[in-house]
């Protein structure tokens, strides 16, 4: 017999976001529940972001377009 009860799903909150990430967000960018995965946070712009706008600091491994 298979268990049909769903286990609770952990939902990412702002408390889970490292401080350096929050400090690196531009003024017009916020973290809200993702439109793709409701259990995760997504990055949302409150105004249009100009092409080429840079913000950071970047933490992680840089990838070529062909790798993503």
N, C-alpha and C. Protein backbone atom coordinates (compact mmCIF):
# COMPACT_ATOMS: atom_id res chain seq x y z
N UNK A 1 0.85 -1.19 0.00
CA UNK A 1 0.00 0.00 0.00
C UNK A 1 0.88 1.23 0.00
N UNK A 2 0.61 2.16 -0.90
CA UNK A 2 1.43 3.37 -1.03
C UNK A 2 0.88 4.48 -0.16
N UNK A 3 1.79 5.25 0.47
CA UNK A 3 1.39 6.37 1.30
C UNK A 3 0.94 7.52 0.40
N UNK A 4 -0.29 7.99 0.58
CA UNK A 4 -0.81 9.04 -0.29
C UNK A 4 -0.73 10.42 0.37
N UNK A 5 -0.22 10.48 1.60
CA UNK A 5 -0.10 11.79 2.26
C UNK A 5 1.16 12.49 1.80
N UNK A 6 1.00 13.73 1.39
CA UNK A 6 2.16 14.52 0.97
C UNK A 6 2.94 14.96 2.20
N UNK A 7 4.28 14.87 2.10
CA UNK A 7 5.08 15.40 3.20
C UNK A 7 5.16 16.91 3.06
N UNK A 8 5.31 17.61 4.18
CA UNK A 8 5.39 19.06 4.09
C UNK A 8 6.62 19.48 3.27
N UNK A 9 6.43 20.50 2.46
CA UNK A 9 7.51 20.99 1.61
C UNK A 9 8.12 22.22 2.26
N UNK A 10 9.44 22.24 2.39
CA UNK A 10 10.12 23.41 2.95
C UNK A 10 10.02 24.57 1.96
N UNK A 11 9.65 25.73 2.46
CA UNK A 11 9.54 26.91 1.63
C UNK A 11 10.67 27.87 2.00
N UNK A 12 11.42 28.29 0.99
CA UNK A 12 12.52 29.22 1.20
C UNK A 12 11.98 30.59 1.63
N UNK A 13 12.62 31.19 2.63
CA UNK A 13 12.21 32.51 3.11
C UNK A 13 13.41 33.46 3.06
N UNK A 14 13.16 34.73 3.32
CA UNK A 14 14.24 35.72 3.35
C UNK A 14 15.26 35.39 4.42
N UNK A 15 14.84 34.70 5.48
CA UNK A 15 15.78 34.28 6.53
C UNK A 15 16.82 33.30 6.00
N UNK A 16 16.51 32.61 4.90
CA UNK A 16 17.43 31.63 4.30
C UNK A 16 18.46 32.29 3.37
N UNK A 17 18.27 33.56 3.06
CA UNK A 17 19.13 34.25 2.10
C UNK A 17 20.33 34.86 2.84
N UNK A 18 21.55 34.55 2.41
CA UNK A 18 22.74 35.13 3.05
C UNK A 18 22.72 36.66 2.97
N UNK A 19 23.23 37.29 3.99
CA UNK A 19 23.24 38.76 4.08
C UNK A 19 23.93 39.41 2.88
N UNK A 20 25.04 38.80 2.40
CA UNK A 20 25.75 39.42 1.27
C UNK A 20 24.89 39.44 0.00
N UNK A 21 23.97 38.51 -0.12
CA UNK A 21 23.07 38.50 -1.28
C UNK A 21 22.09 39.66 -1.17
N UNK A 22 21.52 39.85 -0.01
CA UNK A 22 20.57 40.95 0.18
C UNK A 22 21.26 42.30 -0.02
N UNK A 23 22.49 42.44 0.46
CA UNK A 23 23.23 43.70 0.30
C UNK A 23 23.57 43.97 -1.16
N UNK A 24 23.73 42.92 -1.97
CA UNK A 24 24.11 43.08 -3.37
C UNK A 24 22.97 43.38 -4.32
N UNK A 25 21.74 43.34 -3.82
CA UNK A 25 20.60 43.60 -4.70
C UNK A 25 20.49 45.09 -5.02
N UNK A 26 20.26 45.43 -6.28
CA UNK A 26 20.03 46.83 -6.62
C UNK A 26 18.75 47.34 -5.95
N UNK A 27 18.63 48.65 -5.88
CA UNK A 27 17.49 49.27 -5.22
C UNK A 27 16.14 48.81 -5.78
N UNK A 28 16.06 48.58 -7.07
CA UNK A 28 14.79 48.25 -7.72
C UNK A 28 14.58 46.76 -7.92
N UNK A 29 15.28 45.93 -7.15
CA UNK A 29 15.14 44.48 -7.25
C UNK A 29 14.76 43.93 -5.88
N UNK A 30 13.81 43.00 -5.86
CA UNK A 30 13.33 42.42 -4.61
C UNK A 30 13.29 40.90 -4.75
N UNK A 31 13.29 40.22 -3.63
CA UNK A 31 13.11 38.77 -3.59
C UNK A 31 11.69 38.47 -3.12
N UNK A 32 10.95 37.75 -3.95
CA UNK A 32 9.59 37.33 -3.65
C UNK A 32 9.44 35.87 -4.07
N UNK A 33 8.36 35.20 -3.69
CA UNK A 33 8.17 33.82 -4.13
C UNK A 33 8.28 33.72 -5.66
N UNK A 34 8.98 32.69 -6.10
CA UNK A 34 9.23 32.48 -7.52
C UNK A 34 7.94 32.18 -8.27
N UNK A 35 7.88 32.66 -9.50
CA UNK A 35 6.75 32.35 -10.38
C UNK A 35 6.90 30.95 -10.95
N UNK A 36 8.11 30.40 -10.89
CA UNK A 36 8.39 29.08 -11.46
C UNK A 36 8.25 27.98 -10.40
N UNK A 37 8.74 28.24 -9.19
CA UNK A 37 8.72 27.26 -8.11
C UNK A 37 8.31 27.97 -6.83
N UNK A 38 7.08 27.78 -6.40
CA UNK A 38 6.52 28.51 -5.24
C UNK A 38 7.24 28.20 -3.93
N UNK A 39 8.09 27.18 -3.90
CA UNK A 39 8.82 26.87 -2.67
C UNK A 39 10.14 27.64 -2.60
N UNK A 40 10.49 28.35 -3.65
CA UNK A 40 11.76 29.08 -3.73
C UNK A 40 11.50 30.58 -3.88
N UNK A 41 12.52 31.36 -3.61
CA UNK A 41 12.43 32.80 -3.85
C UNK A 41 12.91 33.09 -5.27
N UNK A 42 12.35 34.12 -5.85
CA UNK A 42 12.78 34.56 -7.17
C UNK A 42 13.17 36.02 -7.12
N UNK A 43 13.88 36.47 -8.12
CA UNK A 43 14.31 37.86 -8.21
C UNK A 43 13.30 38.60 -9.07
N UNK A 44 12.75 39.67 -8.53
CA UNK A 44 11.72 40.46 -9.21
C UNK A 44 12.18 41.91 -9.31
N UNK A 45 12.01 42.51 -10.47
CA UNK A 45 12.34 43.92 -10.66
C UNK A 45 11.08 44.75 -10.40
N UNK A 46 11.25 45.86 -9.66
CA UNK A 46 10.12 46.76 -9.42
C UNK A 46 10.07 47.86 -10.48
N UNK A 47 11.15 47.97 -11.27
CA UNK A 47 11.23 48.90 -12.41
C UNK A 47 12.00 48.19 -13.51
N UNK A 48 11.94 48.72 -14.71
CA UNK A 48 12.72 48.14 -15.81
C UNK A 48 14.20 48.24 -15.50
N UNK A 49 14.95 47.20 -15.87
CA UNK A 49 16.40 47.19 -15.69
C UNK A 49 17.03 47.38 -17.06
N UNK A 50 17.89 48.37 -17.16
CA UNK A 50 18.54 48.65 -18.44
C UNK A 50 19.45 47.50 -18.84
N UNK A 51 19.49 47.20 -20.12
CA UNK A 51 20.37 46.17 -20.65
C UNK A 51 21.81 46.50 -20.28
N UNK A 52 22.54 45.52 -19.78
CA UNK A 52 23.93 45.71 -19.40
C UNK A 52 24.13 46.14 -17.96
N UNK A 53 23.05 46.40 -17.23
CA UNK A 53 23.17 46.81 -15.82
C UNK A 53 23.85 45.70 -15.04
N UNK A 54 24.84 46.07 -14.22
CA UNK A 54 25.57 45.09 -13.42
C UNK A 54 25.31 45.33 -11.95
N UNK A 55 25.19 44.24 -11.20
CA UNK A 55 25.07 44.35 -9.76
C UNK A 55 25.68 43.11 -9.15
N UNK A 56 25.98 43.16 -7.89
CA UNK A 56 26.66 42.02 -7.27
C UNK A 56 27.00 42.32 -5.83
N UNK A 57 27.90 41.63 -5.23
CA UNK A 57 28.97 40.87 -5.84
C UNK A 57 28.51 39.50 -6.33
N UNK A 58 29.19 38.99 -7.34
CA UNK A 58 28.89 37.67 -7.87
C UNK A 58 29.58 36.63 -7.00
N UNK A 59 28.83 35.61 -6.61
CA UNK A 59 29.40 34.50 -5.86
C UNK A 59 29.01 33.23 -6.58
N UNK A 60 29.99 32.43 -6.96
CA UNK A 60 29.69 31.19 -7.67
C UNK A 60 30.65 30.97 -8.81
N UNK A 61 30.32 30.03 -9.66
CA UNK A 61 31.14 29.71 -10.81
C UNK A 61 30.54 30.36 -12.05
N UNK A 62 31.35 31.10 -12.80
CA UNK A 62 30.87 31.68 -14.05
C UNK A 62 30.77 30.58 -15.09
N UNK A 63 29.74 30.63 -15.91
CA UNK A 63 29.52 29.64 -16.96
C UNK A 63 29.39 30.34 -18.30
N UNK A 64 29.79 29.65 -19.35
CA UNK A 64 29.57 30.14 -20.71
C UNK A 64 28.12 29.89 -21.07
N UNK A 65 27.59 30.66 -22.00
CA UNK A 65 26.20 30.46 -22.43
C UNK A 65 25.92 29.03 -22.84
N UNK A 66 26.91 28.38 -23.47
CA UNK A 66 26.73 27.01 -23.93
C UNK A 66 26.63 26.01 -22.78
N UNK A 67 27.01 26.43 -21.57
CA UNK A 67 26.99 25.53 -20.42
C UNK A 67 25.72 25.62 -19.59
N UNK A 68 24.87 26.59 -19.90
CA UNK A 68 23.64 26.76 -19.09
C UNK A 68 22.42 26.41 -19.88
